[in-house]
């Protein structure tokens, strides 16, 4: 069964991007059928990931091979919310953003901290 995951932060140039690449690597390494999208709550569309994020990812041996230059920031959309099985938010205020901006997606939004604490 495929699981569709949206990772969410503010600008979609750092935290959600890093988590997205990490989850993609984890899925490939373990044969999980995960589809990953990254998005932000307040995005300048089309921005590259931050240099600090790219450098941090490149410094991690276990993240695998990715084309980091291809990333472009993306504002969370209704399509993303409808598509997702879960929206992993970097902060509690990102969960609040989803719940107020996309009420139909409220049950899908969870902070990464809570997900890691409570998920089986």
PDB file of N, CA and C in Angstrom:
ATOM      1  N   UNK A   1       0.843  -1.179   0.000  1.00  0.00           N
ATOM      2  CA  UNK A   1       0.000   0.000   0.000  1.00  0.00           C
ATOM      3  C   UNK A   1       0.893   1.249   0.000  1.00  0.00           C
ATOM      4  N   UNK A   2       0.594   2.145  -0.873  1.00  0.00           N
ATOM      5  CA  UNK A   2       1.348   3.383  -0.975  1.00  0.00           C
ATOM      6  C   UNK A   2       0.871   4.382   0.076  1.00  0.00           C
ATOM      7  N   UNK A   3       1.810   5.071   0.695  1.00  0.00           N
ATOM      8  CA  UNK A   3       1.501   6.123   1.650  1.00  0.00           C
ATOM      9  C   UNK A   3       1.985   7.442   1.071  1.00  0.00           C
ATOM     10  N   UNK A   4       1.089   8.412   1.023  1.00  0.00           N
ATOM     11  CA  UNK A   4       1.396   9.730   0.468  1.00  0.00           C
ATOM     12  C   UNK A   4       1.636  10.701   1.613  1.00  0.00           C
ATOM     13  N   UNK A   5       2.853  11.251   1.642  1.00  0.00           N
ATOM     14  CA  UNK A   5       3.284  12.110   2.746  1.00  0.00           C
ATOM     15  C   UNK A   5       3.657  13.489   2.209  1.00  0.00           C
ATOM     16  N   UNK A   6       3.114  14.524   2.844  1.00  0.00           N
ATOM     17  CA  UNK A   6       3.553  15.894   2.585  1.00  0.00           C
ATOM     18  C   UNK A   6       4.340  16.342   3.810  1.00  0.00           C
ATOM     19  N   UNK A   7       5.562  16.818   3.584  1.00  0.00           N
ATOM     20  CA  UNK A   7       6.337  17.416   4.671  1.00  0.00           C
ATOM     21  C   UNK A   7       6.159  18.926   4.559  1.00  0.00           C
ATOM     22  N   UNK A   8       5.980  19.587   5.693  1.00  0.00           N
ATOM     23  CA  UNK A   8       5.583  20.992   5.694  1.00  0.00           C
ATOM     24  C   UNK A   8       6.438  21.815   6.653  1.00  0.00           C
ATOM     25  N   UNK A   9       6.913  22.949   6.162  1.00  0.00           N
ATOM     26  CA  UNK A   9       7.563  23.946   7.015  1.00  0.00           C
ATOM     27  C   UNK A   9       7.077  25.320   6.555  1.00  0.00           C
ATOM     28  N   UNK A  10       7.786  26.362   6.865  1.00  0.00           N
ATOM     29  CA  UNK A  10       7.320  27.702   6.508  1.00  0.00           C
ATOM     30  C   UNK A  10       7.644  28.048   5.057  1.00  0.00           C
ATOM     31  N   UNK A  11       8.920  28.043   4.699  1.00  0.00           N
ATOM     32  CA  UNK A  11       9.317  28.518   3.377  1.00  0.00           C
ATOM     33  C   UNK A  11       9.585  27.441   2.350  1.00  0.00           C
ATOM     34  N   UNK A  12       9.571  26.177   2.769  1.00  0.00           N
ATOM     35  CA  UNK A  12       9.860  25.034   1.902  1.00  0.00           C
ATOM     36  C   UNK A  12      11.237  25.154   1.258  1.00  0.00           C
ATOM     37  N   UNK A  13      12.199  25.626   2.047  1.00  0.00           N
ATOM     38  CA  UNK A  13      13.585  25.688   1.571  1.00  0.00           C
ATOM     39  C   UNK A  13      14.557  25.034   2.554  1.00  0.00           C
ATOM     40  N   UNK A  14      14.050  24.531   3.688  1.00  0.00           N
ATOM     41  CA  UNK A  14      14.953  23.945   4.677  1.00  0.00           C
ATOM     42  C   UNK A  14      14.344  22.693   5.312  1.00  0.00           C
ATOM     43  N   UNK A  15      13.595  22.844   6.384  1.00  0.00           N
ATOM     44  CA  UNK A  15      13.153  21.688   7.179  1.00  0.00           C
ATOM     45  C   UNK A  15      12.323  20.678   6.399  1.00  0.00           C
ATOM     46  N   UNK A  16      11.300  21.133   5.695  1.00  0.00           N
ATOM     47  CA  UNK A  16      10.451  20.192   4.956  1.00  0.00           C
ATOM     48  C   UNK A  16      11.231  19.516   3.840  1.00  0.00           C
ATOM     49  N   UNK A  17      12.162  20.243   3.249  1.00  0.00           N
ATOM     50  CA  UNK A  17      12.996  19.697   2.176  1.00  0.00           C
ATOM     51  C   UNK A  17      13.897  18.606   2.730  1.00  0.00           C
ATOM     52  N   UNK A  18      14.578  18.901   3.836  1.00  0.00           N
ATOM     53  CA  UNK A  18      15.475  17.932   4.443  1.00  0.00           C
ATOM     54  C   UNK A  18      14.709  16.676   4.846  1.00  0.00           C
ATOM     55  N   UNK A  19      13.569  16.846   5.490  1.00  0.00           N
ATOM     56  CA  UNK A  19      12.759  15.699   5.891  1.00  0.00           C
ATOM     57  C   UNK A  19      12.280  14.920   4.672  1.00  0.00           C
ATOM     58  N   UNK A  20      11.900  15.612   3.631  1.00  0.00           N
ATOM     59  CA  UNK A  20      11.450  14.939   2.415  1.00  0.00           C
ATOM     60  C   UNK A  20      12.526  14.048   1.822  1.00  0.00           C
ATOM     61  N   UNK A  21      13.749  14.565   1.722  1.00  0.00           N
ATOM     62  CA  UNK A  21      14.853  13.761   1.189  1.00  0.00           C
ATOM     63  C   UNK A  21      15.188  12.600   2.120  1.00  0.00           C
ATOM     64  N   UNK A  22      15.134  12.831   3.421  1.00  0.00           N
ATOM     65  CA  UNK A  22      15.423  11.754   4.366  1.00  0.00           C
ATOM     66  C   UNK A  22      14.380  10.643   4.268  1.00  0.00           C
ATOM     67  N   UNK A  23      13.107  11.017   4.175  1.00  0.00           N
ATOM     68  CA  UNK A  23      12.047  10.014   4.048  1.00  0.00           C
ATOM     69  C   UNK A  23      12.145   9.266   2.725  1.00  0.00           C
ATOM     70  N   UNK A  24      12.489   9.958   1.662  1.00  0.00           N
ATOM     71  CA  UNK A  24      12.663   9.311   0.360  1.00  0.00           C
ATOM     72  C   UNK A  24      13.780   8.281   0.432  1.00  0.00           C
ATOM     73  N   UNK A  25      14.890   8.641   1.061  1.00  0.00           N
ATOM     74  CA  UNK A  25      16.015   7.720   1.209  1.00  0.00           C
ATOM     75  C   UNK A  25      15.620   6.521   2.060  1.00  0.00           C
ATOM     76  N   UNK A  26      14.929   6.772   3.167  1.00  0.00           N
ATOM     77  CA  UNK A  26      14.487   5.702   4.053  1.00  0.00           C
ATOM     78  C   UNK A  26      13.557   4.742   3.317  1.00  0.00           C
ATOM     79  N   UNK A  27      12.644   5.281   2.533  1.00  0.00           N
ATOM     80  CA  UNK A  27      11.704   4.445   1.778  1.00  0.00           C
ATOM     81  C   UNK A  27      12.441   3.568   0.765  1.00  0.00           C
ATOM     82  N   UNK A  28      13.360   4.159   0.023  1.00  0.00           N
ATOM     83  CA  UNK A  28      14.111   3.392  -0.976  1.00  0.00           C
ATOM     84  C   UNK A  28      14.956   2.306  -0.322  1.00  0.00           C
ATOM     85  N   UNK A  29      15.603   2.632   0.772  1.00  0.00           N
ATOM     86  CA  UNK A  29      16.488   1.679   1.438  1.00  0.00           C
ATOM     87  C   UNK A  29      15.732   0.499   2.036  1.00  0.00           C
ATOM     88  N   UNK A  30      14.477   0.721   2.402  1.00  0.00           N
ATOM     89  CA  UNK A  30      13.712  -0.321   3.092  1.00  0.00           C
ATOM     90  C   UNK A  30      12.563  -0.889   2.273  1.00  0.00           C
ATOM     91  N   UNK A  31      12.441  -0.448   1.027  1.00  0.00           N
ATOM     92  CA  UNK A  31      11.382  -0.970   0.164  1.00  0.00           C
ATOM     93  C   UNK A  31       9.986  -0.487   0.522  1.00  0.00           C
ATOM     94  N   UNK A  32       9.891   0.654   1.190  1.00  0.00           N
ATOM     95  CA  UNK A  32       8.583   1.210   1.532  1.00  0.00           C
ATOM     96  C   UNK A  32       8.003   1.927   0.315  1.00  0.00           C
ATOM     97  N   UNK A  33       6.713   1.828   0.146  1.00  0.00           N
ATOM     98  CA  UNK A  33       6.032   2.502  -0.959  1.00  0.00           C
ATOM     99  C   UNK A  33       5.496   3.839  -0.453  1.00  0.00           C
ATOM    100  N   UNK A  34       6.395   4.784  -0.299  1.00  0.00           N
ATOM    101  CA  UNK A  34       6.044   6.124   0.156  1.00  0.00           C
ATOM    102  C   UNK A  34       6.223   7.098  -0.993  1.00  0.00           C
ATOM    103  N   UNK A  35       5.244   7.954  -1.181  1.00  0.00           N
ATOM    104  CA  UNK A  35       5.354   9.060  -2.120  1.00  0.00           C
ATOM    105  C   UNK A  35       5.484  10.330  -1.284  1.00  0.00           C
ATOM    106  N   UNK A  36       6.443  11.159  -1.621  1.00  0.00           N
ATOM    107  CA  UNK A  36       6.754  12.327  -0.797  1.00  0.00           C
ATOM    108  C   UNK A  36       6.594  13.602  -1.612  1.00  0.00           C
ATOM    109  N   UNK A  37       5.924  14.577  -1.025  1.00  0.00           N
ATOM    110  CA  UNK A  37       5.882  15.949  -1.532  1.00  0.00           C
ATOM    111  C   UNK A  37       6.327  16.853  -0.401  1.00  0.00           C
ATOM    112  N   UNK A  38       6.949  17.967  -0.740  1.00  0.00           N
ATOM    113  CA  UNK A  38       7.298  18.958   0.269  1.00  0.00           C
ATOM    114  C   UNK A  38       6.573  20.252  -0.058  1.00  0.00           C
ATOM    115  N   UNK A  39       6.264  21.025   0.986  1.00  0.00           N
ATOM    116  CA  UNK A  39       5.541  22.281   0.788  1.00  0.00           C
ATOM    117  C   UNK A  39       5.806  23.207   1.966  1.00  0.00           C
ATOM    118  N   UNK A  40       5.339  24.434   1.809  1.00  0.00           N
ATOM    119  CA  UNK A  40       5.486  25.426   2.867  1.00  0.00           C
ATOM    120  C   UNK A  40       4.188  26.174   3.096  1.00  0.00           C
ATOM    121  N   UNK A  41       4.138  26.877   4.229  1.00  0.00           N
ATOM    122  CA  UNK A  41       2.944  27.643   4.573  1.00  0.00           C
ATOM    123  C   UNK A  41       3.003  29.074   4.059  1.00  0.00           C
ATOM    124  N   UNK A  42       4.186  29.615   3.896  1.00  0.00           N
ATOM    125  CA  UNK A  42       4.371  30.999   3.439  1.00  0.00           C
ATOM    126  C   UNK A  42       5.591  31.035   2.520  1.00  0.00           C
ATOM    127  N   UNK A  43       5.371  30.676   1.270  1.00  0.00           N
ATOM    128  CA  UNK A  43       6.448  30.373   0.334  1.00  0.00           C
ATOM    129  C   UNK A  43       6.640  31.476  -0.705  1.00  0.00           C
ATOM    130  N   UNK A  44       7.870  31.715  -1.066  1.00  0.00           N
ATOM    131  CA  UNK A  44       8.203  32.437  -2.290  1.00  0.00           C
ATOM    132  C   UNK A  44       8.376  31.333  -3.327  1.00  0.00           C
ATOM    133  N   UNK A  45       7.363  31.150  -4.180  1.00  0.00           N
ATOM    134  CA  UNK A  45       7.343  30.036  -5.135  1.00  0.00           C
ATOM    135  C   UNK A  45       8.614  29.994  -5.978  1.00  0.00           C
ATOM    136  N   UNK A  46       9.109  28.781  -6.157  1.00  0.00           N
ATOM    137  CA  UNK A  46      10.218  28.552  -7.069  1.00  0.00           C
ATOM    138  C   UNK A  46      11.600  28.765  -6.506  1.00  0.00           C
ATOM    139  N   UNK A  47      11.721  29.001  -5.212  1.00  0.00           N
ATOM    140  CA  UNK A  47      13.044  29.201  -4.623  1.00  0.00           C
ATOM    141  C   UNK A  47      13.773  27.866  -4.474  1.00  0.00           C
ATOM    142  N   UNK A  48      15.087  27.913  -4.617  1.00  0.00           N
ATOM    143  CA  UNK A  48      15.913  26.735  -4.370  1.00  0.00           C
ATOM    144  C   UNK A  48      16.011  26.500  -2.866  1.00  0.00           C
ATOM    145  N   UNK A  49      16.402  25.287  -2.495  1.00  0.00           N
ATOM    146  CA  UNK A  49      16.620  25.034  -1.074  1.00  0.00           C
ATOM    147  C   UNK A  49      17.776  25.905  -0.593  1.00  0.00           C
ATOM    148  N   UNK A  50      17.797  26.158   0.695  1.00  0.00           N
ATOM    149  CA  UNK A  50      18.864  26.991   1.231  1.00  0.00           C
ATOM    150  C   UNK A  50      20.206  26.287   1.084  1.00  0.00           C
ATOM    151  N   UNK A  51      21.252  27.072   0.969  1.00  0.00           N
ATOM    152  CA  UNK A  51      22.603  26.513   0.855  1.00  0.00           C
ATOM    153  C   UNK A  51      22.966  25.714   2.100  1.00  0.00           C
ATOM    154  N   UNK A  52      22.529  26.181   3.256  1.00  0.00           N
ATOM    155  CA  UNK A  52      22.810  25.445   4.502  1.00  0.00           C
ATOM    156  C   UNK A  52      22.144  24.080   4.487  1.00  0.00           C
ATOM    157  N   UNK A  53      20.908  24.016   3.972  1.00  0.00           N
ATOM    158  CA  UNK A  53      20.201  22.736   3.893  1.00  0.00           C
ATOM    159  C   UNK A  53      20.924  21.798   2.926  1.00  0.00           C
ATOM    160  N   UNK A  54      21.277  22.312   1.765  1.00  0.00           N
ATOM    161  CA  UNK A  54      21.996  21.502   0.769  1.00  0.00           C
ATOM    162  C   UNK A  54      23.300  20.975   1.364  1.00  0.00           C
ATOM    163  N   UNK A  55      24.063  21.850   2.007  1.00  0.00           N
ATOM    164  CA  UNK A  55      25.338  21.442   2.585  1.00  0.00           C
ATOM    165  C   UNK A  55      25.146  20.390   3.681  1.00  0.00           C
ATOM    166  N   UNK A  56      24.119  20.561   4.488  1.00  0.00           N
ATOM    167  CA  UNK A  56      23.834  19.587   5.549  1.00  0.00           C
ATOM    168  C   UNK A  56      23.474  18.231   4.952  1.00  0.00           C
ATOM    169  N   UNK A  57      22.659  18.231   3.905  1.00  0.00           N
ATOM    170  CA  UNK A  57      22.290  16.970   3.251  1.00  0.00           C
ATOM    171  C   UNK A  57      23.498  16.306   2.610  1.00  0.00           C
ATOM    172  N   UNK A  58      24.342  17.095   1.967  1.00  0.00           N
ATOM    173  CA  UNK A  58      25.534  16.548   1.325  1.00  0.00           C
ATOM    174  C   UNK A  58      26.512  15.961   2.347  1.00  0.00           C
ATOM    175  N   UNK A  59      26.485  16.462   3.560  1.00  0.00           N
ATOM    176  CA  UNK A  59      27.388  15.982   4.606  1.00  0.00           C
ATOM    177  C   UNK A  59      26.924  14.660   5.225  1.00  0.00           C
ATOM    178  N   UNK A  60      25.686  14.265   4.957  1.00  0.00           N
ATOM    179  CA  UNK A  60      25.145  13.022   5.517  1.00  0.00           C
ATOM    180  C   UNK A  60      25.377  11.871   4.554  1.00  0.00           C
ATOM    181  N   UNK A  61      26.179  10.898   4.964  1.00  0.00           N
ATOM    182  CA  UNK A  61      26.468   9.752   4.108  1.00  0.00           C
ATOM    183  C   UNK A  61      25.235   8.897   3.843  1.00  0.00           C
ATOM    184  N   UNK A  62      24.343   8.810   4.801  1.00  0.00           N
ATOM    185  CA  UNK A  62      23.214   7.892   4.705  1.00  0.00           C
ATOM    186  C   UNK A  62      22.006   8.434   3.946  1.00  0.00           C
ATOM    187  N   UNK A  63      22.082   9.643   3.422  1.00  0.00           N
ATOM    188  CA  UNK A  63      20.916  10.212   2.734  1.00  0.00           C
ATOM    189  C   UNK A  63      20.834   9.767   1.276  1.00  0.00           C
ATOM    190  N   UNK A  64      21.880   9.228   0.739  1.00  0.00           N
ATOM    191  CA  UNK A  64      21.827   8.698  -0.615  1.00  0.00           C
ATOM    192  C   UNK A  64      22.051   9.751  -1.678  1.00  0.00           C
ATOM    193  N   UNK A  65      21.849   9.342  -2.909  1.00  0.00           N
ATOM    194  CA  UNK A  65      22.077  10.200  -4.063  1.00  0.00           C
ATOM    195  C   UNK A  65      20.771  10.892  -4.458  1.00  0.00           C
ATOM    196  N   UNK A  66      20.797  12.198  -4.508  1.00  0.00           N
ATOM    197  CA  UNK A  66      19.634  12.984  -4.925  1.00  0.00           C
ATOM    198  C   UNK A  66      20.126  14.165  -5.751  1.00  0.00           C
ATOM    199  N   UNK A  67      19.269  14.662  -6.596  1.00  0.00           N
ATOM    200  CA  UNK A  67      19.582  15.855  -7.385  1.00  0.00           C
ATOM    201  C   UNK A  67      19.007  17.060  -6.637  1.00  0.00           C
ATOM    202  N   UNK A  68      19.776  17.586  -5.693  1.00  0.00           N
ATOM    203  CA  UNK A  68      19.299  18.653  -4.817  1.00  0.00           C
ATOM    204  C   UNK A  68      19.009  19.949  -5.562  1.00  0.00           C
ATOM    205  N   UNK A  69      19.688  20.187  -6.666  1.00  0.00           N
ATOM    206  CA  UNK A  69      19.464  21.412  -7.421  1.00  0.00           C
ATOM    207  C   UNK A  69      18.090  21.477  -8.078  1.00  0.00           C
ATOM    208  N   UNK A  70      17.398  20.358  -8.139  1.00  0.00           N
ATOM    209  CA  UNK A  70      16.082  20.327  -8.785  1.00  0.00           C
ATOM    210  C   UNK A  70      14.975  20.874  -7.888  1.00  0.00           C
ATOM    211  N   UNK A  71      15.206  20.943  -6.582  1.00  0.00           N
ATOM    212  CA  UNK A  71      14.143  21.384  -5.674  1.00  0.00           C
ATOM    213  C   UNK A  71      13.766  22.837  -5.927  1.00  0.00           C
ATOM    214  N   UNK A  72      12.455  23.097  -5.945  1.00  0.00           N
ATOM    215  CA  UNK A  72      11.906  24.452  -5.992  1.00  0.00           C
ATOM    216  C   UNK A  72      10.777  24.528  -4.970  1.00  0.00           C
ATOM    217  N   UNK A  73      10.764  25.606  -4.207  1.00  0.00           N
ATOM    218  CA  UNK A  73       9.774  25.761  -3.143  1.00  0.00           C
ATOM    219  C   UNK A  73       8.364  25.777  -3.712  1.00  0.00           C
ATOM    220  N   UNK A  74       7.445  25.322  -2.864  1.00  0.00           N
ATOM    221  CA  UNK A  74       6.052  25.144  -3.287  1.00  0.00           C
ATOM    222  C   UNK A  74       5.123  25.471  -2.122  1.00  0.00           C
ATOM    223  N   UNK A  75       4.161  26.320  -2.388  1.00  0.00           N
ATOM    224  CA  UNK A  75       3.135  26.675  -1.401  1.00  0.00           C
ATOM    225  C   UNK A  75       2.159  25.508  -1.261  1.00  0.00           C
ATOM    226  N   UNK A  76       1.861  25.124  -0.024  1.00  0.00           N
ATOM    227  CA  UNK A  76       0.877  24.075   0.212  1.00  0.00           C
ATOM    228  C   UNK A  76      -0.429  24.451  -0.474  1.00  0.00           C
ATOM    229  N   UNK A  77      -1.001  23.516  -1.209  1.00  0.00           N
ATOM    230  CA  UNK A  77      -2.224  23.776  -1.963  1.00  0.00           C
ATOM    231  C   UNK A  77      -3.320  22.804  -1.567  1.00  0.00           C
ATOM    232  N   UNK A  78      -4.513  23.105  -2.002  1.00  0.00           N
ATOM    233  CA  UNK A  78      -5.646  22.218  -1.766  1.00  0.00           C
ATOM    234  C   UNK A  78      -5.380  20.848  -2.390  1.00  0.00           C
ATOM    235  N   UNK A  79      -4.732  20.831  -3.552  1.00  0.00           N
ATOM    236  CA  UNK A  79      -4.390  19.569  -4.208  1.00  0.00           C
ATOM    237  C   UNK A  79      -3.457  18.735  -3.333  1.00  0.00           C
ATOM    238  N   UNK A  80      -2.462  19.379  -2.715  1.00  0.00           N
ATOM    239  CA  UNK A  80      -1.543  18.664  -1.825  1.00  0.00           C
ATOM    240  C   UNK A  80      -2.289  18.051  -0.645  1.00  0.00           C
ATOM    241  N   UNK A  81      -3.176  18.827  -0.067  1.00  0.00           N
ATOM    242  CA  UNK A  81      -3.925  18.362   1.104  1.00  0.00           C
ATOM    243  C   UNK A  81      -4.829  17.194   0.718  1.00  0.00           C
ATOM    244  N   UNK A  82      -5.507  17.300  -0.408  1.00  0.00           N
ATOM    245  CA  UNK A  82      -6.374  16.214  -0.866  1.00  0.00           C
ATOM    246  C   UNK A  82      -5.562  14.957  -1.178  1.00  0.00           C
ATOM    247  N   UNK A  83      -4.384  15.130  -1.755  1.00  0.00           N
ATOM    248  CA  UNK A  83      -3.519  14.021  -2.152  1.00  0.00           C
ATOM    249  C   UNK A  83      -2.944  13.271  -0.959  1.00  0.00           C
ATOM    250  N   UNK A  84      -2.615  13.979   0.095  1.00  0.00           N
ATOM    251  CA  UNK A  84      -1.859  13.414   1.222  1.00  0.00           C
ATOM    252  C   UNK A  84      -2.669  12.462   2.086  1.00  0.00           C
ATOM    253  N   UNK A  85      -1.967  11.440   2.565  1.00  0.00           N
ATOM    254  CA  UNK A  85      -2.510  10.606   3.642  1.00  0.00           C
ATOM    255  C   UNK A  85      -2.145  11.218   4.985  1.00  0.00           C
ATOM    256  N   UNK A  86      -0.974  11.854   5.035  1.00  0.00           N
ATOM    257  CA  UNK A  86      -0.514  12.518   6.254  1.00  0.00           C
ATOM    258  C   UNK A  86       0.297  13.750   5.859  1.00  0.00           C
ATOM    259  N   UNK A  87       0.164  14.798   6.664  1.00  0.00           N
ATOM    260  CA  UNK A  87       0.954  16.018   6.492  1.00  0.00           C
ATOM    261  C   UNK A  87       1.810  16.155   7.739  1.00  0.00           C
ATOM    262  N   UNK A  88       3.121  15.952   7.566  1.00  0.00           N
ATOM    263  CA  UNK A  88       4.061  16.044   8.686  1.00  0.00           C
ATOM    264  C   UNK A  88       4.568  17.475   8.779  1.00  0.00           C
ATOM    265  N   UNK A  89       4.139  18.167   9.810  1.00  0.00           N
ATOM    266  CA  UNK A  89       4.448  19.583   9.987  1.00  0.00           C
ATOM    267  C   UNK A  89       5.661  19.767  10.897  1.00  0.00           C
ATOM    268  N   UNK A  90       6.496  20.721  10.536  1.00  0.00           N
ATOM    269  CA  UNK A  90       7.706  20.981  11.314  1.00  0.00           C
ATOM    270  C   UNK A  90       7.398  21.572  12.680  1.00  0.00           C
ATOM    271  N   UNK A  91       6.324  22.341  12.795  1.00  0.00           N
ATOM    272  CA  UNK A  91       5.972  23.014  14.047  1.00  0.00           C
ATOM    273  C   UNK A  91       4.467  22.938  14.285  1.00  0.00           C
ATOM    274  N   UNK A  92       4.076  23.155  15.509  1.00  0.00           N
ATOM    275  CA  UNK A  92       2.653  23.158  15.849  1.00  0.00           C
ATOM    276  C   UNK A  92       1.897  24.235  15.087  1.00  0.00           C
ATOM    277  N   UNK A  93       2.533  25.401  14.845  1.00  0.00           N
ATOM    278  CA  UNK A  93       1.816  26.456  14.128  1.00  0.00           C
ATOM    279  C   UNK A  93       1.567  26.073  12.665  1.00  0.00           C
ATOM    280  N   UNK A  94       2.334  25.153  12.109  1.00  0.00           N
ATOM    281  CA  UNK A  94       2.066  24.651  10.761  1.00  0.00           C
ATOM    282  C   UNK A  94       0.826  23.758  10.766  1.00  0.00           C
ATOM    283  N   UNK A  95       0.646  23.010  11.831  1.00  0.00           N
ATOM    284  CA  UNK A  95      -0.571  22.202  11.978  1.00  0.00           C
ATOM    285  C   UNK A  95      -1.772  23.143  12.058  1.00  0.00           C
ATOM    286  N   UNK A  96      -1.654  24.189  12.838  1.00  0.00           N
ATOM    287  CA  UNK A  96      -2.730  25.183  12.947  1.00  0.00           C
ATOM    288  C   UNK A  96      -3.035  25.794  11.592  1.00  0.00           C
ATOM    289  N   UNK A  97      -2.004  26.106  10.821  1.00  0.00           N
ATOM    290  CA  UNK A  97      -2.192  26.661   9.471  1.00  0.00           C
ATOM    291  C   UNK A  97      -3.034  25.715   8.610  1.00  0.00           C
ATOM    292  N   UNK A  98      -2.683  24.433   8.620  1.00  0.00           N
ATOM    293  CA  UNK A  98      -3.437  23.461   7.820  1.00  0.00           C
ATOM    294  C   UNK A  98      -4.881  23.410   8.296  1.00  0.00           C
ATOM    295  N   UNK A  99      -5.077  23.350   9.601  1.00  0.00           N
ATOM    296  CA  UNK A  99      -6.427  23.206  10.147  1.00  0.00           C
ATOM    297  C   UNK A  99      -7.307  24.424   9.883  1.00  0.00           C
ATOM    298  N   UNK A 100      -6.708  25.611   9.813  1.00  0.00           N
ATOM    299  CA  UNK A 100      -7.517  26.808   9.555  1.00  0.00           C
ATOM    300  C   UNK A 100      -7.658  27.107   8.068  1.00  0.00           C
ATOM    301  N   UNK A 101      -6.636  26.827   7.283  1.00  0.00           N
ATOM    302  CA  UNK A 101      -6.668  27.136   5.861  1.00  0.00           C
ATOM    303  C   UNK A 101      -7.330  26.026   5.049  1.00  0.00           C
ATOM    304  N   UNK A 102      -7.172  24.805   5.474  1.00  0.00           N
ATOM    305  CA  UNK A 102      -7.720  23.637   4.780  1.00  0.00           C
ATOM    306  C   UNK A 102      -8.446  22.751   5.799  1.00  0.00           C
ATOM    307  N   UNK A 103      -9.597  23.182   6.306  1.00  0.00           N
ATOM    308  CA  UNK A 103     -10.272  22.434   7.377  1.00  0.00           C
ATOM    309  C   UNK A 103     -10.513  20.958   7.044  1.00  0.00           C
ATOM    310  N   UNK A 104     -10.742  20.657   5.779  1.00  0.00           N
ATOM    311  CA  UNK A 104     -10.961  19.260   5.391  1.00  0.00           C
ATOM    312  C   UNK A 104      -9.691  18.416   5.560  1.00  0.00           C
ATOM    313  N   UNK A 105      -8.543  19.057   5.667  1.00  0.00           N
ATOM    314  CA  UNK A 105      -7.286  18.350   5.862  1.00  0.00           C
ATOM    315  C   UNK A 105      -6.842  18.263   7.307  1.00  0.00           C
ATOM    316  N   UNK A 106      -7.642  18.813   8.205  1.00  0.00           N
ATOM    317  CA  UNK A 106      -7.264  18.848   9.623  1.00  0.00           C
ATOM    318  C   UNK A 106      -6.872  17.482  10.188  1.00  0.00           C
ATOM    319  N   UNK A 107      -7.622  16.419   9.886  1.00  0.00           N
ATOM    320  CA  UNK A 107      -7.242  15.116  10.462  1.00  0.00           C
ATOM    321  C   UNK A 107      -5.912  14.563   9.944  1.00  0.00           C
ATOM    322  N   UNK A 108      -5.423  15.102   8.843  1.00  0.00           N
ATOM    323  CA  UNK A 108      -4.176  14.607   8.247  1.00  0.00           C
ATOM    324  C   UNK A 108      -2.939  15.291   8.815  1.00  0.00           C
ATOM    325  N   UNK A 109      -3.113  16.445   9.416  1.00  0.00           N
ATOM    326  CA  UNK A 109      -1.976  17.265   9.857  1.00  0.00           C
ATOM    327  C   UNK A 109      -1.526  16.885  11.262  1.00  0.00           C
ATOM    328  N   UNK A 110      -0.230  16.673  11.393  1.00  0.00           N
ATOM    329  CA  UNK A 110       0.346  16.329  12.686  1.00  0.00           C
ATOM    330  C   UNK A 110       1.769  16.891  12.733  1.00  0.00           C
ATOM    331  N   UNK A 111       2.168  17.354  13.897  1.00  0.00           N
ATOM    332  CA  UNK A 111       3.550  17.827  14.023  1.00  0.00           C
ATOM    333  C   UNK A 111       4.473  16.620  13.997  1.00  0.00           C
ATOM    334  N   UNK A 112       5.641  16.809  13.448  1.00  0.00           N
ATOM    335  CA  UNK A 112       6.622  15.722  13.387  1.00  0.00           C
ATOM    336  C   UNK A 112       6.923  15.206  14.785  1.00  0.00           C
ATOM    337  N   UNK A 113       7.036  16.112  15.732  1.00  0.00           N
ATOM    338  CA  UNK A 113       7.321  15.717  17.124  1.00  0.00           C
ATOM    339  C   UNK A 113       6.242  14.776  17.662  1.00  0.00           C
ATOM    340  N   UNK A 114       4.962  15.143  17.451  1.00  0.00           N
ATOM    341  CA  UNK A 114       3.869  14.299  17.935  1.00  0.00           C
ATOM    342  C   UNK A 114       3.842  12.974  17.178  1.00  0.00           C
ATOM    343  N   UNK A 115       4.068  13.019  15.874  1.00  0.00           N
ATOM    344  CA  UNK A 115       4.071  11.797  15.073  1.00  0.00           C
ATOM    345  C   UNK A 115       5.132  10.825  15.578  1.00  0.00           C
ATOM    346  N   UNK A 116       6.337  11.312  15.813  1.00  0.00           N
ATOM    347  CA  UNK A 116       7.416  10.456  16.295  1.00  0.00           C
ATOM    348  C   UNK A 116       7.117   9.912  17.689  1.00  0.00           C
ATOM    349  N   UNK A 117       6.452  10.693  18.481  1.00  0.00           N
ATOM    350  CA  UNK A 117       6.114  10.266  19.844  1.00  0.00           C
ATOM    351  C   UNK A 117       4.998   9.220  19.852  1.00  0.00           C
ATOM    352  N   UNK A 118       3.978   9.394  18.997  1.00  0.00           N
ATOM    353  CA  UNK A 118       2.768   8.589  19.102  1.00  0.00           C
ATOM    354  C   UNK A 118       2.582   7.522  18.037  1.00  0.00           C
ATOM    355  N   UNK A 119       3.294   7.600  16.923  1.00  0.00           N
ATOM    356  CA  UNK A 119       3.092   6.635  15.846  1.00  0.00           C
ATOM    357  C   UNK A 119       3.580   5.254  16.259  1.00  0.00           C
ATOM    358  N   UNK A 120       2.895   4.224  15.765  1.00  0.00           N
ATOM    359  CA  UNK A 120       3.355   2.847  16.095  1.00  0.00           C
ATOM    360  C   UNK A 120       4.710   2.556  15.466  1.00  0.00           C
TER     361      UNK A 120
END
